[in-house]
Amino acid sequence: MSTPLPTTQPLGLGHWDHPLLGRRVVDRAHGGRSGVLRAIAPDVQDNNPGLVLRVPRTPPVAWLSPEGGGVEWTTAPDAIEAAE
């Protein structure tokens, strides 16, 4: 069962509130990989690591970080659910 995007107010800078922020989740789009939900926010389309002057006009994605540390990854917000 996936968790729908919340209908609450945006948090600013393109970030959205979500009931699972800061909690361990399972990413069904990536084979059940688990991580901690860090943000629901848009992703920059190009690979320019420079200064971002405005919020990208892209759909929000779920930003997850591995529990033991490592590189964050993104997935569709409707692909995550609370880990047991």
PDB file of N, CA and C in Angstrom:
ATOM      1  N   MET A   1       0.846  -1.176   0.000  1.00  0.00           N
ATOM      2  CA  MET A   1       0.000   0.000   0.000  1.00  0.00           C
ATOM      3  C   MET A   1       0.882   1.227   0.000  1.00  0.00           C
ATOM      4  N   SER A   2       0.644   2.164  -0.891  1.00  0.00           N
ATOM      5  CA  SER A   2       1.467   3.359  -0.961  1.00  0.00           C
ATOM      6  C   SER A   2       0.808   4.506  -0.202  1.00  0.00           C
ATOM      7  N   THR A   3       1.639   5.476   0.160  1.00  0.00           N
ATOM      8  CA  THR A   3       1.159   6.636   0.885  1.00  0.00           C
ATOM      9  C   THR A   3       0.930   7.759  -0.114  1.00  0.00           C
ATOM     10  N   PRO A   4      -0.276   8.295  -0.220  1.00  0.00           N
ATOM     11  CA  PRO A   4      -0.525   9.355  -1.205  1.00  0.00           C
ATOM     12  C   PRO A   4       0.171  10.647  -0.806  1.00  0.00           C
ATOM     13  N   LEU A   5       0.403  11.495  -1.807  1.00  0.00           N
ATOM     14  CA  LEU A   5       0.954  12.806  -1.509  1.00  0.00           C
ATOM     15  C   LEU A   5      -0.001  13.566  -0.606  1.00  0.00           C
ATOM     16  N   PRO A   6       0.528  14.286   0.355  1.00  0.00           N
ATOM     17  CA  PRO A   6      -0.340  15.031   1.256  1.00  0.00           C
ATOM     18  C   PRO A   6      -0.981  16.216   0.550  1.00  0.00           C
ATOM     19  N   THR A   7      -2.060  16.693   1.115  1.00  0.00           N
ATOM     20  CA  THR A   7      -2.732  17.857   0.551  1.00  0.00           C
ATOM     21  C   THR A   7      -2.489  19.077   1.421  1.00  0.00           C
ATOM     22  N   THR A   8      -1.464  19.032   2.268  1.00  0.00           N
ATOM     23  CA  THR A   8      -1.149  20.137   3.159  1.00  0.00           C
ATOM     24  C   THR A   8      -0.411  21.239   2.412  1.00  0.00           C
ATOM     25  N   GLN A   9      -0.144  22.312   3.106  1.00  0.00           N
ATOM     26  CA  GLN A   9       0.570  23.451   2.543  1.00  0.00           C
ATOM     27  C   GLN A   9       2.008  23.069   2.206  1.00  0.00           C
ATOM     28  N   PRO A  10       2.570  23.668   1.161  1.00  0.00           N
ATOM     29  CA  PRO A  10       3.992  23.442   0.895  1.00  0.00           C
ATOM     30  C   PRO A  10       4.830  24.037   2.017  1.00  0.00           C
ATOM     31  N   LEU A  11       6.025  23.486   2.210  1.00  0.00           N
ATOM     32  CA  LEU A  11       6.927  23.957   3.259  1.00  0.00           C
ATOM     33  C   LEU A  11       7.813  25.105   2.786  1.00  0.00           C
ATOM     34  N   GLY A  12       7.873  25.342   1.491  1.00  0.00           N
ATOM     35  CA  GLY A  12       8.712  26.387   0.921  1.00  0.00           C
ATOM     36  C   GLY A  12       9.854  25.798   0.123  1.00  0.00           C
ATOM     37  N   LEU A  13      10.383  26.586  -0.795  1.00  0.00           N
ATOM     38  CA  LEU A  13      11.490  26.177  -1.670  1.00  0.00           C
ATOM     39  C   LEU A  13      11.200  24.873  -2.407  1.00  0.00           C
ATOM     40  N   GLY A  14       9.930  24.637  -2.719  1.00  0.00           N
ATOM     41  CA  GLY A  14       9.541  23.453  -3.469  1.00  0.00           C
ATOM     42  C   GLY A  14       9.342  22.207  -2.644  1.00  0.00           C
ATOM     43  N   HIS A  15       9.555  22.272  -1.349  1.00  0.00           N
ATOM     44  CA  HIS A  15       9.413  21.110  -0.469  1.00  0.00           C
ATOM     45  C   HIS A  15       7.972  20.987   0.018  1.00  0.00           C
ATOM     46  N   TRP A  16       7.538  19.727   0.190  1.00  0.00           N
ATOM     47  CA  TRP A  16       6.183  19.433   0.660  1.00  0.00           C
ATOM     48  C   TRP A  16       6.229  18.636   1.948  1.00  0.00           C
ATOM     49  N   ASP A  17       5.228  18.829   2.763  1.00  0.00           N
ATOM     50  CA  ASP A  17       5.087  18.052   3.983  1.00  0.00           C
ATOM     51  C   ASP A  17       4.677  16.626   3.608  1.00  0.00           C
ATOM     52  N   HIS A  18       5.024  15.673   4.444  1.00  0.00           N
ATOM     53  CA  HIS A  18       4.637  14.278   4.214  1.00  0.00           C
ATOM     54  C   HIS A  18       4.632  13.578   5.566  1.00  0.00           C
ATOM     55  N   PRO A  19       3.657  12.715   5.829  1.00  0.00           N
ATOM     56  CA  PRO A  19       3.585  12.064   7.141  1.00  0.00           C
ATOM     57  C   PRO A  19       4.759  11.146   7.450  1.00  0.00           C
ATOM     58  N   LEU A  20       5.540  10.745   6.451  1.00  0.00           N
ATOM     59  CA  LEU A  20       6.653   9.830   6.689  1.00  0.00           C
ATOM     60  C   LEU A  20       8.020  10.524   6.697  1.00  0.00           C
ATOM     61  N   LEU A  21       8.062  11.837   6.663  1.00  0.00           N
ATOM     62  CA  LEU A  21       9.342  12.549   6.694  1.00  0.00           C
ATOM     63  C   LEU A  21      10.142  12.146   7.927  1.00  0.00           C
ATOM     64  N   GLY A  22      11.406  11.805   7.705  1.00  0.00           N
ATOM     65  CA  GLY A  22      12.287  11.417   8.802  1.00  0.00           C
ATOM     66  C   GLY A  22      12.119   9.984   9.270  1.00  0.00           C
ATOM     67  N   ARG A  23      11.211   9.249   8.633  1.00  0.00           N
ATOM     68  CA  ARG A  23      10.961   7.858   9.039  1.00  0.00           C
ATOM     69  C   ARG A  23      11.515   6.887   8.001  1.00  0.00           C
ATOM     70  N   ARG A  24      11.712   5.664   8.430  1.00  0.00           N
ATOM     71  CA  ARG A  24      12.185   4.598   7.547  1.00  0.00           C
ATOM     72  C   ARG A  24      11.042   4.176   6.632  1.00  0.00           C
ATOM     73  N   VAL A  25      11.341   4.082   5.331  1.00  0.00           N
ATOM     74  CA  VAL A  25      10.338   3.702   4.340  1.00  0.00           C
ATOM     75  C   VAL A  25      10.907   2.622   3.426  1.00  0.00           C
ATOM     76  N   VAL A  26      10.001   1.984   2.694  1.00  0.00           N
ATOM     77  CA  VAL A  26      10.362   0.991   1.687  1.00  0.00           C
ATOM     78  C   VAL A  26      10.027   1.583   0.327  1.00  0.00           C
ATOM     79  N   ASP A  27      10.953   1.468  -0.605  1.00  0.00           N
ATOM     80  CA  ASP A  27      10.789   1.981  -1.968  1.00  0.00           C
ATOM     81  C   ASP A  27      10.406   0.822  -2.879  1.00  0.00           C
ATOM     82  N   ARG A  28       9.140   0.699  -3.193  1.00  0.00           N
ATOM     83  CA  ARG A  28       8.646  -0.407  -4.031  1.00  0.00           C
ATOM     84  C   ARG A  28       9.115  -0.289  -5.480  1.00  0.00           C
ATOM     85  N   ALA A  29       9.468   0.906  -5.935  1.00  0.00           N
ATOM     86  CA  ALA A  29       9.940   1.083  -7.311  1.00  0.00           C
ATOM     87  C   ALA A  29      11.384   0.607  -7.489  1.00  0.00           C
ATOM     88  N   HIS A  30      12.090   0.395  -6.391  1.00  0.00           N
ATOM     89  CA  HIS A  30      13.481  -0.047  -6.448  1.00  0.00           C
ATOM     90  C   HIS A  30      13.664  -1.358  -5.691  1.00  0.00           C
ATOM     91  N   GLY A  31      12.769  -2.293  -5.913  1.00  0.00           N
ATOM     92  CA  GLY A  31      12.914  -3.643  -5.386  1.00  0.00           C
ATOM     93  C   GLY A  31      12.801  -3.781  -3.882  1.00  0.00           C
ATOM     94  N   GLY A  32      12.091  -2.865  -3.233  1.00  0.00           N
ATOM     95  CA  GLY A  32      11.920  -2.971  -1.791  1.00  0.00           C
ATOM     96  C   GLY A  32      13.087  -2.415  -0.994  1.00  0.00           C
ATOM     97  N   ARG A  33      13.923  -1.632  -1.656  1.00  0.00           N
ATOM     98  CA  ARG A  33      15.048  -0.995  -0.964  1.00  0.00           C
ATOM     99  C   ARG A  33      14.514  -0.090   0.142  1.00  0.00           C
ATOM    100  N   SER A  34      15.167  -0.067   1.283  1.00  0.00           N
ATOM    101  CA  SER A  34      14.683   0.771   2.377  1.00  0.00           C
ATOM    102  C   SER A  34      15.649   1.915   2.647  1.00  0.00           C
ATOM    103  N   GLY A  35      15.091   2.995   3.171  1.00  0.00           N
ATOM    104  CA  GLY A  35      15.880   4.172   3.499  1.00  0.00           C
ATOM    105  C   GLY A  35      15.038   5.114   4.333  1.00  0.00           C
ATOM    106  N   VAL A  36      15.582   6.269   4.618  1.00  0.00           N
ATOM    107  CA  VAL A  36      14.890   7.279   5.404  1.00  0.00           C
ATOM    108  C   VAL A  36      14.415   8.384   4.466  1.00  0.00           C
ATOM    109  N   LEU A  37      13.129   8.710   4.550  1.00  0.00           N
ATOM    110  CA  LEU A  37      12.573   9.771   3.715  1.00  0.00           C
ATOM    111  C   LEU A  37      13.082  11.116   4.218  1.00  0.00           C
ATOM    112  N   ARG A  38      13.837  11.811   3.396  1.00  0.00           N
ATOM    113  CA  ARG A  38      14.420  13.095   3.776  1.00  0.00           C
ATOM    114  C   ARG A  38      13.619  14.284   3.263  1.00  0.00           C
ATOM    115  N   ALA A  39      12.969  14.138   2.106  1.00  0.00           N
ATOM    116  CA  ALA A  39      12.239  15.273   1.538  1.00  0.00           C
ATOM    117  C   ALA A  39      11.313  14.793   0.435  1.00  0.00           C
ATOM    118  N   ILE A  40      10.279  15.595   0.203  1.00  0.00           N
ATOM    119  CA  ILE A  40       9.460  15.505  -1.006  1.00  0.00           C
ATOM    120  C   ILE A  40       9.672  16.849  -1.678  1.00  0.00           C
ATOM    121  N   ALA A  41      10.415  16.843  -2.777  1.00  0.00           N
ATOM    122  CA  ALA A  41      10.802  18.090  -3.430  1.00  0.00           C
ATOM    123  C   ALA A  41      11.144  17.808  -4.888  1.00  0.00           C
ATOM    124  N   PRO A  42      11.116  18.836  -5.735  1.00  0.00           N
ATOM    125  CA  PRO A  42      11.468  18.617  -7.138  1.00  0.00           C
ATOM    126  C   PRO A  42      12.948  18.290  -7.297  1.00  0.00           C
ATOM    127  N   ASP A  43      13.259  17.637  -8.401  1.00  0.00           N
ATOM    128  CA  ASP A  43      14.636  17.313  -8.740  1.00  0.00           C
ATOM    129  C   ASP A  43      15.050  18.235  -9.880  1.00  0.00           C
ATOM    130  N   VAL A  44      16.291  18.660  -9.883  1.00  0.00           N
ATOM    131  CA  VAL A  44      16.812  19.489 -10.970  1.00  0.00           C
ATOM    132  C   VAL A  44      17.021  18.569 -12.169  1.00  0.00           C
ATOM    133  N   GLN A  45      16.504  18.947 -13.321  1.00  0.00           N
ATOM    134  CA  GLN A  45      16.568  18.085 -14.501  1.00  0.00           C
ATOM    135  C   GLN A  45      17.979  17.915 -15.048  1.00  0.00           C
ATOM    136  N   ASP A  46      18.733  19.000 -15.166  1.00  0.00           N
ATOM    137  CA  ASP A  46      20.087  18.857 -15.699  1.00  0.00           C
ATOM    138  C   ASP A  46      21.052  18.546 -14.560  1.00  0.00           C
ATOM    139  N   ASN A  47      22.231  18.159 -14.894  1.00  0.00           N
ATOM    140  CA  ASN A  47      23.213  17.767 -13.884  1.00  0.00           C
ATOM    141  C   ASN A  47      24.124  18.931 -13.491  1.00  0.00           C
ATOM    142  N   ASN A  48      23.588  20.142 -13.492  1.00  0.00           N
ATOM    143  CA  ASN A  48      24.361  21.314 -13.120  1.00  0.00           C
ATOM    144  C   ASN A  48      24.358  21.447 -11.603  1.00  0.00           C
ATOM    145  N   PRO A  49      25.493  21.206 -10.942  1.00  0.00           N
ATOM    146  CA  PRO A  49      25.521  21.273  -9.480  1.00  0.00           C
ATOM    147  C   PRO A  49      25.642  22.697  -8.945  1.00  0.00           C
ATOM    148  N   GLY A  50      25.540  23.692  -9.803  1.00  0.00           N
ATOM    149  CA  GLY A  50      25.711  25.080  -9.381  1.00  0.00           C
ATOM    150  C   GLY A  50      24.531  25.592  -8.571  1.00  0.00           C
ATOM    151  N   LEU A  51      24.553  26.869  -8.322  1.00  0.00           N
ATOM    152  CA  LEU A  51      23.544  27.546  -7.533  1.00  0.00           C
ATOM    153  C   LEU A  51      22.175  27.462  -8.210  1.00  0.00           C
ATOM    154  N   VAL A  52      21.158  27.065  -7.459  1.00  0.00           N
ATOM    155  CA  VAL A  52      19.787  27.015  -7.968  1.00  0.00           C
ATOM    156  C   VAL A  52      19.101  28.293  -7.521  1.00  0.00           C
ATOM    157  N   LEU A  53      18.661  29.109  -8.480  1.00  0.00           N
ATOM    158  CA  LEU A  53      18.088  30.410  -8.170  1.00  0.00           C
ATOM    159  C   LEU A  53      16.571  30.403  -8.064  1.00  0.00           C
ATOM    160  N   ARG A  54      15.947  29.341  -8.530  1.00  0.00           N
ATOM    161  CA  ARG A  54      14.488  29.238  -8.421  1.00  0.00           C
ATOM    162  C   ARG A  54      14.109  27.765  -8.292  1.00  0.00           C
ATOM    163  N   VAL A  55      12.910  27.523  -7.800  1.00  0.00           N
ATOM    164  CA  VAL A  55      12.423  26.158  -7.637  1.00  0.00           C
ATOM    165  C   VAL A  55      12.210  25.550  -9.024  1.00  0.00           C
ATOM    166  N   PRO A  56      12.778  24.380  -9.288  1.00  0.00           N
ATOM    167  CA  PRO A  56      12.579  23.742 -10.593  1.00  0.00           C
ATOM    168  C   PRO A  56      11.094  23.461 -10.843  1.00  0.00           C
ATOM    169  N   ARG A  57      10.681  23.579 -12.073  1.00  0.00           N
ATOM    170  CA  ARG A  57       9.284  23.309 -12.435  1.00  0.00           C
ATOM    171  C   ARG A  57       9.138  21.853 -12.872  1.00  0.00           C
ATOM    172  N   THR A  58       9.439  20.981 -11.959  1.00  0.00           N
ATOM    173  CA  THR A  58       9.325  19.545 -12.193  1.00  0.00           C
ATOM    174  C   THR A  58       8.485  18.951 -11.072  1.00  0.00           C
ATOM    175  N   PRO A  59       7.880  17.796 -11.308  1.00  0.00           N
ATOM    176  CA  PRO A  59       7.073  17.176 -10.249  1.00  0.00           C
ATOM    177  C   PRO A  59       7.944  16.810  -9.052  1.00  0.00           C
ATOM    178  N   PRO A  60       7.372  16.823  -7.857  1.00  0.00           N
ATOM    179  CA  PRO A  60       8.166  16.440  -6.684  1.00  0.00           C
ATOM    180  C   PRO A  60       8.493  14.953  -6.701  1.00  0.00           C
ATOM    181  N   VAL A  61       9.645  14.635  -6.152  1.00  0.00           N
ATOM    182  CA  VAL A  61      10.072  13.248  -5.991  1.00  0.00           C
ATOM    183  C   VAL A  61      10.397  13.030  -4.519  1.00  0.00           C
ATOM    184  N   ALA A  62      10.436  11.773  -4.117  1.00  0.00           N
ATOM    185  CA  ALA A  62      10.816  11.426  -2.747  1.00  0.00           C
ATOM    186  C   ALA A  62      12.327  11.254  -2.714  1.00  0.00           C
ATOM    187  N   TRP A  63      12.974  11.960  -1.789  1.00  0.00           N
ATOM    188  CA  TRP A  63      14.419  11.870  -1.593  1.00  0.00           C
ATOM    189  C   TRP A  63      14.670  10.937  -0.415  1.00  0.00           C
ATOM    190  N   LEU A  64      15.392   9.845  -0.669  1.00  0.00           N
ATOM    191  CA  LEU A  64      15.655   8.841   0.356  1.00  0.00           C
ATOM    192  C   LEU A  64      17.154   8.713   0.591  1.00  0.00           C
ATOM    193  N   SER A  65      17.522   8.466   1.834  1.00  0.00           N
ATOM    194  CA  SER A  65      18.927   8.221   2.140  1.00  0.00           C
ATOM    195  C   SER A  65      19.065   6.829   2.752  1.00  0.00           C
ATOM    196  N   PRO A  66      20.138   6.115   2.411  1.00  0.00           N
ATOM    197  CA  PRO A  66      20.353   4.792   2.986  1.00  0.00           C
ATOM    198  C   PRO A  66      20.512   4.892   4.502  1.00  0.00           C
ATOM    199  N   GLU A  67      20.006   3.915   5.205  1.00  0.00           N
ATOM    200  CA  GLU A  67      20.058   3.933   6.671  1.00  0.00           C
ATOM    201  C   GLU A  67      21.484   3.941   7.216  1.00  0.00           C
ATOM    202  N   GLY A  68      22.396   3.285   6.558  1.00  0.00           N
ATOM    203  CA  GLY A  68      23.777   3.210   7.040  1.00  0.00           C
ATOM    204  C   GLY A  68      24.678   4.275   6.449  1.00  0.00           C
ATOM    205  N   GLY A  69      24.105   5.242   5.752  1.00  0.00           N
ATOM    206  CA  GLY A  69      24.891   6.266   5.080  1.00  0.00           C
ATOM    207  C   GLY A  69      25.109   5.912   3.630  1.00  0.00           C
ATOM    208  N   GLY A  70      25.517   6.859   2.849  1.00  0.00           N
ATOM    209  CA  GLY A  70      25.744   6.632   1.428  1.00  0.00           C
ATOM    210  C   GLY A  70      25.038   7.661   0.587  1.00  0.00           C
ATOM    211  N   VAL A  71      24.870   7.357  -0.672  1.00  0.00           N
ATOM    212  CA  VAL A  71      24.317   8.284  -1.647  1.00  0.00           C
ATOM    213  C   VAL A  71      22.789   8.243  -1.635  1.00  0.00           C
ATOM    214  N   GLU A  72      22.174   9.424  -1.575  1.00  0.00           N
ATOM    215  CA  GLU A  72      20.712   9.511  -1.647  1.00  0.00           C
ATOM    216  C   GLU A  72      20.231   9.081  -3.020  1.00  0.00           C
ATOM    217  N   TRP A  73      18.979   8.666  -3.091  1.00  0.00           N
ATOM    218  CA  TRP A  73      18.349   8.374  -4.370  1.00  0.00           C
ATOM    219  C   TRP A  73      16.940   8.949  -4.341  1.00  0.00           C
ATOM    220  N   THR A  74      16.346   9.045  -5.516  1.00  0.00           N
ATOM    221  CA  THR A  74      14.985   9.566  -5.626  1.00  0.00           C
ATOM    222  C   THR A  74      14.071   8.501  -6.194  1.00  0.00           C
ATOM    223  N   THR A  75      12.797   8.655  -5.887  1.00  0.00           N
ATOM    224  CA  THR A  75      11.777   7.744  -6.384  1.00  0.00           C
ATOM    225  C   THR A  75      10.455   8.495  -6.427  1.00  0.00           C
ATOM    226  N   ALA A  76       9.463   7.894  -7.041  1.00  0.00           N
ATOM    227  CA  ALA A  76       8.134   8.499  -7.073  1.00  0.00           C
ATOM    228  C   ALA A  76       7.531   8.483  -5.669  1.00  0.00           C
ATOM    229  N   PRO A  77       6.910   9.570  -5.254  1.00  0.00           N
ATOM    230  CA  PRO A  77       6.316   9.601  -3.915  1.00  0.00           C
ATOM    231  C   PRO A  77       5.292   8.501  -3.673  1.00  0.00           C
ATOM    232  N   ASP A  78       4.577   8.068  -4.720  1.00  0.00           N
ATOM    233  CA  ASP A  78       3.580   7.020  -4.515  1.00  0.00           C
ATOM    234  C   ASP A  78       4.191   5.616  -4.483  1.00  0.00           C
ATOM    235  N   ALA A  79       5.533   5.524  -4.615  1.00  0.00           N
ATOM    236  CA  ALA A  79       6.215   4.229  -4.550  1.00  0.00           C
ATOM    237  C   ALA A  79       6.722   3.901  -3.155  1.00  0.00           C
ATOM    238  N   ILE A  80       6.559   4.835  -2.211  1.00  0.00           N
ATOM    239  CA  ILE A  80       7.062   4.576  -0.858  1.00  0.00           C
ATOM    240  C   ILE A  80       5.934   4.240   0.106  1.00  0.00           C
ATOM    241  N   GLU A  81       6.309   3.475   1.111  1.00  0.00           N
ATOM    242  CA  GLU A  81       5.371   3.154   2.203  1.00  0.00           C
ATOM    243  C   GLU A  81       6.184   2.986   3.473  1.00  0.00           C
ATOM    244  N   ALA A  82       5.511   3.096   4.599  1.00  0.00           N
ATOM    245  CA  ALA A  82       6.189   2.961   5.891  1.00  0.00           C
ATOM    246  C   ALA A  82       6.781   1.566   6.018  1.00  0.00           C
ATOM    247  N   ALA A  83       8.002   1.498   6.519  1.00  0.00           N
ATOM    248  CA  ALA A  83       8.640   0.201   6.780  1.00  0.00           C
ATOM    249  C   ALA A  83       8.081  -0.363   8.080  1.00  0.00           C
ATOM    250  N   GLU A  84       8.025  -1.658   8.155  1.00  0.00           N
ATOM    251  CA  GLU A  84       7.501  -2.307   9.379  1.00  0.00           C
ATOM    252  C   GLU A  84       8.567  -2.422  10.418  1.00  0.00           C
TER     253      GLU A  84
END
